[in-house]
Amino acid sequence: LYTGTTTISEAWDKSFFLGPWYAKEMCLEILSQPFDVIKGLTPPEFEKFITDAKGAAKRKSEAAKKNGTLAHDWIAAAIGSKIDENVKRLPTPQSKEAVNAINAFAHWSKDKNIQWLASEEVVASHEHRTGGKLDAIAVIDGITYLVDFKTSGQISPSYLLQCGGYDIQFSEMGLQVMGYLILRIPKDGSDA
């Protein structure tokens, strides 16, 4: 068994931003309720209200992950169908957030000269006992890129580590890219 590239690249301390983010989401959840409603709660109801609000960040994170996966899978199938006619495109997801990410990708790729070489390619390094599935390989304006799609709200340093890990695995397989392209495809309707 090989350790996953994403697992390795994510092995860094996130507490410096996760703690404040969890607190912010809890506060937003509490503040979303009218004061008169909160004021009228009994002590046990208020305790339940606060306990439920503590889970706001987790609920938001799970929804974001689900919508990101829907968008990612759709994009992977769309790219795969350009490479191999046997790869079927997926139906457009019902989620507005997933569709926003798909539209951001489509808008980004519209005016570019892109030759997709691979999609969802499994790579591994026997020397380092790591493996993973990279999003895509593409030639854009004559440069071969390892492409990684991200639907998260920020670009994390771990994404570069992940691309570096894939590059090591790719090189060990006798293949080479000239650069990394981390494409953030937001779910909020803004541009990639």
Foldseek 3Di string as FASTA:
>chain_A
DFAELLVVLPPDDPCVPPVVVLVVQLVVQVVVDDPVVLVPDDVVRNVVSSVVSSCRVVVVVVVLVVLFVLLLVQVLLVLVCLQPVVRDHDPRDPDLLSVLLNVLVCVVCVPWDKDWDDAQCWFADPVNRYIYTFGTWIQTPNFIEREHEAADPDDDPSVVSSRVRRQVRQVNVVDHGDYYHYHHRYSPNDHD
